[in-house]
Amino acid sequence: MAAGYSTLGDLYRASRVTVSTLSRIEAGIQMPMPATLKKLAPFLGVSYEHLLITAGYLPSSGQMVVQDSSGDHGVLDIDQVLDDDSRPIRLGGRVISREQRQILRENLSLIRRLINDSSSD
């Protein structure tokens, strides 16, 4: 445990984040939601921003900031995300495998065909 808490129960009593949630986060089973990180930050002795970076919600220095081809921040280019095998992708709180990434690419291709077919009607 960090920041002087010897058990998850101690951290729960301070932060009011349930022991089951803390346990799943600690085990890597669940990705913490930003609201949970905000509750925990003061009790862990780190900034909310630090926890957002650690959880992957914000880029740290040296990480790629995903943007579209026009340079607009906040707009994800899904092709760029899927093609960058060096960056993990989280889905449902878990990092997806290379095989799952490939399935996403294939499904995206199918969605593109459906969109193109419907827009040509």
Protein backbone atom coordinates (compact mmCIF):
# COMPACT_ATOMS: atom_id res chain seq x y z
CA MET A 1 0.00 0.00 0.00
CA ALA A 2 1.09 3.55 -0.64
CA ALA A 3 1.00 6.83 1.24
CA GLY A 4 0.93 5.34 4.73
CA TYR A 5 -2.07 3.04 4.31
CA SER A 6 -1.26 -0.50 5.38
CA THR A 7 -4.44 -2.09 3.99
CA LEU A 8 -7.04 -1.46 1.33
CA GLY A 9 -9.53 -1.11 4.17
CA ASP A 10 -7.53 1.81 5.57
CA LEU A 11 -7.55 3.50 2.16
CA TYR A 12 -11.28 2.82 1.83
CA ARG A 13 -12.00 4.46 5.18
CA ALA A 14 -10.07 7.56 4.11
CA SER A 15 -11.22 7.84 0.48
CA ARG A 16 -14.59 6.06 0.48
CA VAL A 17 -13.56 4.10 -2.63
CA THR A 18 -14.77 0.55 -1.96
CA VAL A 19 -12.30 -2.17 -1.05
CA SER A 20 -13.56 -4.30 -3.97
CA THR A 21 -12.88 -1.46 -6.43
CA LEU A 22 -9.45 -0.82 -4.92
CA SER A 23 -8.63 -4.52 -5.08
CA ARG A 24 -9.65 -4.81 -8.76
CA ILE A 25 -7.62 -1.71 -9.64
CA GLU A 26 -4.59 -2.96 -7.72
CA ALA A 27 -4.80 -6.39 -9.43
CA GLY A 28 -5.09 -4.79 -12.88
CA ILE A 29 -8.54 -6.27 -13.43
CA GLN A 30 -10.28 -2.91 -13.62
CA MET A 31 -9.12 0.39 -15.03
CA PRO A 32 -9.94 3.16 -12.54
CA MET A 33 -12.45 5.74 -13.67
CA PRO A 34 -11.31 9.39 -13.58
CA ALA A 35 -13.78 10.13 -10.77
CA THR A 36 -12.20 7.35 -8.69
CA LEU A 37 -8.73 8.72 -9.35
CA LYS A 38 -9.89 12.16 -8.25
CA LYS A 39 -11.12 10.70 -4.95
CA LEU A 40 -7.88 8.78 -4.38
CA ALA A 41 -5.29 11.44 -5.32
CA PRO A 42 -5.26 13.39 -2.04
CA PHE A 43 -5.00 10.20 0.00
CA LEU A 44 -2.17 8.76 -2.10
CA GLY A 45 -0.10 11.93 -1.89
CA VAL A 46 -0.02 12.49 -5.66
CA SER A 47 -1.81 14.85 -8.00
CA TYR A 48 -5.00 13.95 -9.86
CA GLU A 49 -3.12 14.71 -13.10
CA HIS A 50 -0.38 12.23 -12.15
CA LEU A 51 -2.97 9.50 -11.63
CA LEU A 52 -4.66 10.36 -14.96
CA ILE A 53 -1.28 10.04 -16.71
CA THR A 54 -0.46 6.79 -14.91
CA ALA A 55 -3.84 5.31 -15.86
CA GLY A 56 -3.38 6.35 -19.49
CA TYR A 57 -6.09 9.01 -19.64
CA LEU A 58 -3.56 11.76 -20.33
CA PRO A 59 -0.29 11.58 -22.24
CA SER A 60 2.94 11.97 -20.32
CA SER A 61 5.88 13.81 -21.79
CA GLY A 62 7.37 11.75 -24.58
CA GLN A 63 4.11 10.00 -25.40
CA MET A 64 2.27 10.53 -28.64
CA VAL A 65 -0.80 12.75 -28.44
CA VAL A 66 -3.32 11.30 -30.86
CA GLN A 67 -4.78 13.87 -33.19
CA ASP A 68 -6.41 13.88 -36.58
CA SER A 69 -4.53 14.70 -39.77
CA SER A 70 -5.47 18.39 -39.53
CA GLY A 71 -3.73 18.62 -36.15
CA ASP A 72 -6.89 18.93 -34.04
CA HIS A 73 -6.29 17.62 -30.54
CA GLY A 74 -9.05 15.62 -28.96
CA VAL A 75 -10.07 13.97 -32.24
CA LEU A 76 -8.88 10.40 -32.38
CA ASP A 77 -7.70 8.99 -35.68
CA ILE A 78 -8.74 5.38 -35.13
CA ASP A 79 -6.45 4.14 -37.92
CA GLN A 80 -3.47 5.80 -36.24
CA VAL A 81 -4.37 4.28 -32.89
CA LEU A 82 -4.84 0.77 -34.30
CA ASP A 83 -1.70 0.94 -36.44
CA ASP A 84 0.59 1.98 -33.59
CA ASP A 85 1.37 -1.43 -32.09
CA SER A 86 3.74 0.16 -29.58
CA ARG A 87 0.83 1.78 -27.69
CA PRO A 88 -1.56 -0.38 -25.71
CA ILE A 89 -5.29 0.00 -26.27
CA ARG A 90 -7.64 -0.44 -23.33
CA LEU A 91 -11.14 -1.71 -23.86
CA GLY A 92 -13.42 -2.35 -20.91
CA GLY A 93 -10.56 -1.58 -18.54
CA ARG A 94 -8.24 -4.24 -20.00
CA VAL A 95 -5.40 -3.97 -22.47
CA ILE A 96 -6.31 -5.80 -25.67
CA SER A 97 -4.01 -8.33 -27.33
CA ARG A 98 -2.51 -8.10 -30.83
CA GLU A 99 -5.11 -10.58 -32.01
CA GLN A 100 -7.93 -8.46 -30.58
CA ARG A 101 -6.38 -5.37 -32.20
CA GLN A 102 -6.49 -7.19 -35.56
CA ILE A 103 -10.15 -8.09 -34.99
CA LEU A 104 -10.85 -4.39 -34.37
CA ARG A 105 -9.10 -3.51 -37.65
CA GLU A 106 -11.20 -6.07 -39.53
CA ASN A 107 -14.42 -4.83 -37.95
CA LEU A 108 -13.50 -1.25 -38.75
CA SER A 109 -13.01 -2.26 -42.38
CA LEU A 110 -16.47 -3.85 -42.39
CA ILE A 111 -18.00 -0.72 -40.84
CA ARG A 112 -16.35 1.43 -43.52
CA ARG A 113 -17.84 -0.74 -46.26
CA LEU A 114 -21.30 -0.51 -44.66
CA ILE A 115 -21.01 3.28 -44.39
CA ASN A 116 -19.82 3.58 -47.98
CA ASP A 117 -22.61 1.30 -49.23
CA SER A 118 -25.29 3.25 -47.37
CA SER A 119 -24.00 6.63 -48.50
CA SER A 120 -24.05 5.54 -52.16
CA ASP A 121 -27.79 4.69 -51.98
